[in-house]
């Protein structure tokens, strides 16, 4: 029984000492790290001051040449980024065209200004004008495959030929953007 009490007393005395030693070691490690960082900082400051003195002892022309070299290097690095930025802008243009195409498809045709549509079609794809003119001749003919009842109940108004024209137009635009991207690379 006495031996068990002695062991418990030793454990109770040694355990706090071990914990205290561990805490002291952690604090010492932290202090050593701080001292090491301060020493490195001092060495760097000495090196920088020596370099500054050496530069300032030279003529002012040398300082100007060094500054010009730094500026030239930064400009050259920016010029190396130009082709990457060009490709990125073309990819953004392609994505923008696709988003516009999807938005135009989701918007019902009667909301789109027909004059704007005719101008777009006439600008980018002239054969579509011929198809639109042919549709206008077939507009009143119920046997014409161009004329059918649309979802809103209007006869011939949303027959789909304008959608085909717009689809062709947007496919041509997206294809041109795609060709621009891959021809530049």
Protein backbone atom coordinates (compact mmCIF):
# COMPACT_ATOMS: atom_id res chain seq x y z
CA UNK A 1 0.00 0.00 0.00
CA UNK A 2 2.82 2.32 0.84
CA UNK A 3 4.47 1.64 -2.51
CA UNK A 4 1.28 2.50 -4.36
CA UNK A 5 1.06 5.78 -2.46
CA UNK A 6 4.68 6.56 -3.25
CA UNK A 7 4.09 5.91 -6.93
CA UNK A 8 1.02 8.13 -6.95
CA UNK A 9 2.98 10.87 -5.20
CA UNK A 10 5.79 10.60 -7.76
CA UNK A 11 3.29 10.72 -10.63
CA UNK A 12 1.59 13.73 -9.11
CA UNK A 13 4.89 15.53 -8.68
CA UNK A 14 6.53 14.47 -11.94
CA UNK A 15 3.55 15.05 -14.22
CA UNK A 16 3.26 18.79 -13.52
CA UNK A 17 7.02 19.10 -13.89
CA UNK A 18 6.86 17.38 -17.28
CA UNK A 19 4.06 19.67 -18.38
CA UNK A 20 5.98 22.70 -17.19
CA UNK A 21 9.11 21.54 -19.02
CA UNK A 22 7.13 21.03 -22.23
CA UNK A 23 5.68 24.52 -21.97
CA UNK A 24 9.11 26.03 -21.34
CA UNK A 25 10.53 24.18 -24.35
CA UNK A 26 7.74 25.51 -26.57
CA UNK A 27 8.39 29.06 -25.42
CA UNK A 28 12.12 28.60 -26.00
CA UNK A 29 11.47 27.25 -29.49
CA UNK A 30 9.31 30.24 -30.26
CA UNK A 31 11.96 32.63 -28.96
CA UNK A 32 14.63 30.90 -31.01
CA UNK A 33 12.49 31.22 -34.12
CA UNK A 34 11.96 34.91 -33.48
CA UNK A 35 15.68 35.45 -32.93
CA UNK A 36 16.50 33.55 -36.10
CA UNK A 37 14.07 35.66 -38.11
CA UNK A 38 15.50 38.84 -36.65
CA UNK A 39 19.00 37.69 -37.55
CA UNK A 40 17.96 36.93 -41.13
CA UNK A 41 16.24 40.30 -41.35
CA UNK A 42 19.37 42.05 -40.11
CA UNK A 43 21.53 40.23 -42.68
CA UNK A 44 19.13 41.23 -45.43
CA UNK A 45 19.16 44.85 -44.29
CA UNK A 46 22.96 44.88 -44.31
CA UNK A 47 23.04 43.41 -47.83
CA UNK A 48 20.49 45.94 -49.05
CA UNK A 49 22.34 48.87 -47.51
CA UNK A 50 25.61 47.73 -49.11
CA UNK A 51 23.91 47.41 -52.48
CA UNK A 52 22.33 50.85 -52.13
CA UNK A 53 25.66 52.42 -51.24
CA UNK A 54 27.29 50.73 -54.23
CA UNK A 55 24.55 51.95 -56.56
CA UNK A 56 24.65 55.48 -55.16
CA UNK A 57 28.43 55.65 -55.48
CA UNK A 58 28.11 55.00 -59.19
CA UNK A 59 27.10 57.76 -61.50
CA UNK A 60 23.49 58.75 -61.84
CA UNK A 61 23.57 57.35 -65.36
CA UNK A 62 24.04 53.83 -64.02
CA UNK A 63 20.97 54.23 -61.84
CA UNK A 64 18.97 55.41 -64.84
CA UNK A 65 20.17 52.44 -66.90
CA UNK A 66 19.11 50.03 -64.15
CA UNK A 67 15.69 51.63 -63.97
CA UNK A 68 15.35 51.45 -67.74
CA UNK A 69 16.25 47.75 -67.68
CA UNK A 70 13.59 47.07 -65.07
CA UNK A 71 10.99 48.98 -67.09
CA UNK A 72 12.01 47.20 -70.30
CA UNK A 73 11.74 43.79 -68.66
CA UNK A 74 8.28 44.55 -67.30
CA UNK A 75 7.11 45.84 -70.69
CA UNK A 76 8.45 42.70 -72.38
CA UNK A 77 6.61 40.53 -69.88
CA UNK A 78 3.40 42.44 -70.62
CA UNK A 79 3.96 42.00 -74.35
CA UNK A 80 4.30 38.26 -73.83
CA UNK A 81 0.82 38.29 -72.27
CA UNK A 82 -0.79 39.94 -75.33
CA UNK A 83 -1.34 36.73 -77.38
CA UNK A 84 -2.81 35.00 -74.34
CA UNK A 85 -5.15 37.93 -73.75
CA UNK A 86 -6.11 37.93 -77.43
CA UNK A 87 -7.07 34.25 -77.30
CA UNK A 88 -8.95 34.82 -74.07
CA UNK A 89 -10.92 37.70 -75.58
CA UNK A 90 -11.81 35.60 -78.62
CA UNK A 91 -13.02 32.77 -76.40
CA UNK A 92 -15.12 35.27 -74.43
CA UNK A 93 -16.52 36.57 -77.73
CA UNK A 94 -17.46 33.06 -78.78
CA UNK A 95 -19.17 32.37 -75.46
CA UNK A 96 -20.98 35.70 -75.70
CA UNK A 97 -22.25 34.82 -79.16
CA UNK A 98 -23.49 31.47 -77.89
CA UNK A 99 -25.25 33.11 -74.94
CA UNK A 100 -26.88 35.65 -77.26
CA UNK A 101 -27.98 32.82 -79.52
CA UNK A 102 -29.54 30.93 -76.60
CA UNK A 103 -31.27 34.07 -75.34
CA UNK A 104 -32.69 34.81 -78.78
CA UNK A 105 -33.97 31.26 -79.06
CA UNK A 106 -35.60 31.45 -75.66
CA UNK A 107 -37.29 34.79 -76.42
CA UNK A 108 -40.44 34.38 -78.57
CA UNK A 109 -40.06 35.70 -82.10
CA UNK A 110 -42.75 38.38 -81.87
CA UNK A 111 -40.67 40.19 -79.22
CA UNK A 112 -37.73 40.57 -81.59
CA UNK A 113 -37.80 43.66 -83.74
CA UNK A 114 -38.39 42.44 -87.29
CA UNK A 115 -36.50 45.33 -88.86
CA UNK A 116 -33.43 44.49 -86.79
CA UNK A 117 -33.80 40.86 -87.83
CA UNK A 118 -33.99 41.76 -91.53
CA UNK A 119 -30.92 44.00 -91.20
CA UNK A 120 -28.96 41.28 -89.44
CA UNK A 121 -29.93 38.68 -91.99
CA UNK A 122 -29.23 40.99 -94.93
CA UNK A 123 -25.84 41.87 -93.52
CA UNK A 124 -24.56 38.41 -92.70
CA UNK A 125 -26.34 35.92 -94.95
CA UNK A 126 -27.96 37.17 -98.20
CA UNK A 127 -29.44 33.79 -99.32
CA UNK A 128 -31.73 33.98 -96.32
CA UNK A 129 -33.37 37.03 -97.91
CA UNK A 130 -34.40 34.87 -100.84
CA UNK A 131 -35.95 32.34 -98.47
CA UNK A 132 -37.77 35.09 -96.59
CA UNK A 133 -39.11 36.53 -99.86
CA UNK A 134 -40.27 33.08 -100.90
CA UNK A 135 -42.01 32.72 -97.57
CA UNK A 136 -43.77 36.04 -98.05
CA UNK A 137 -45.15 34.79 -101.36
CA UNK A 138 -46.38 31.59 -99.70
CA UNK A 139 -47.80 33.42 -96.67
CA UNK A 140 -51.45 33.13 -97.58
CA UNK A 141 -51.34 29.64 -99.06
CA UNK A 142 -52.68 27.09 -96.56
CA UNK A 143 -51.11 24.23 -98.53
CA UNK A 144 -47.67 25.76 -98.18
CA UNK A 145 -45.43 23.90 -95.76
CA UNK A 146 -44.21 27.29 -94.57
CA UNK A 147 -47.58 28.28 -93.12
CA UNK A 148 -48.94 26.55 -90.05
CA UNK A 149 -50.59 27.45 -86.82
CA UNK A 150 -48.12 28.57 -84.20
CA UNK A 151 -48.36 28.10 -80.43
CA UNK A 152 -50.13 31.42 -79.90
CA UNK A 153 -52.81 30.58 -82.48
CA UNK A 154 -51.64 33.00 -85.16
CA UNK A 155 -51.67 31.61 -88.66
CA UNK A 156 -48.32 31.75 -90.39
CA UNK A 157 -46.77 34.29 -88.00
CA UNK A 158 -44.44 31.93 -86.19
CA UNK A 159 -43.98 29.42 -88.94
CA UNK A 160 -40.35 28.85 -88.14
CA UNK A 161 -38.59 30.11 -91.27
CA UNK A 162 -37.38 33.18 -89.42
CA UNK A 163 -36.03 30.87 -86.77
CA UNK A 164 -34.18 28.90 -89.43
CA UNK A 165 -32.77 32.12 -90.83
CA UNK A 166 -31.70 33.28 -87.41
CA UNK A 167 -30.22 29.88 -86.65
CA UNK A 168 -28.16 30.04 -89.82
CA UNK A 169 -27.07 33.56 -88.98
CA UNK A 170 -25.92 32.68 -85.48
CA UNK A 171 -24.24 29.47 -86.63
CA UNK A 172 -22.28 31.52 -89.16
CA UNK A 173 -21.28 34.05 -86.49
CA UNK A 174 -20.20 31.35 -84.03
CA UNK A 175 -18.30 29.52 -86.77
CA UNK A 176 -16.48 32.74 -87.72
CA UNK A 177 -15.51 33.35 -84.10
CA UNK A 178 -14.37 29.73 -83.81
CA UNK A 179 -12.26 30.04 -86.98
CA UNK A 180 -10.74 33.30 -85.69
CA UNK A 181 -9.73 31.59 -82.46
CA UNK A 182 -8.10 28.59 -84.10
CA UNK A 183 -6.50 30.50 -86.97
CA UNK A 184 -4.71 32.78 -84.52
CA UNK A 185 -3.28 29.86 -82.55
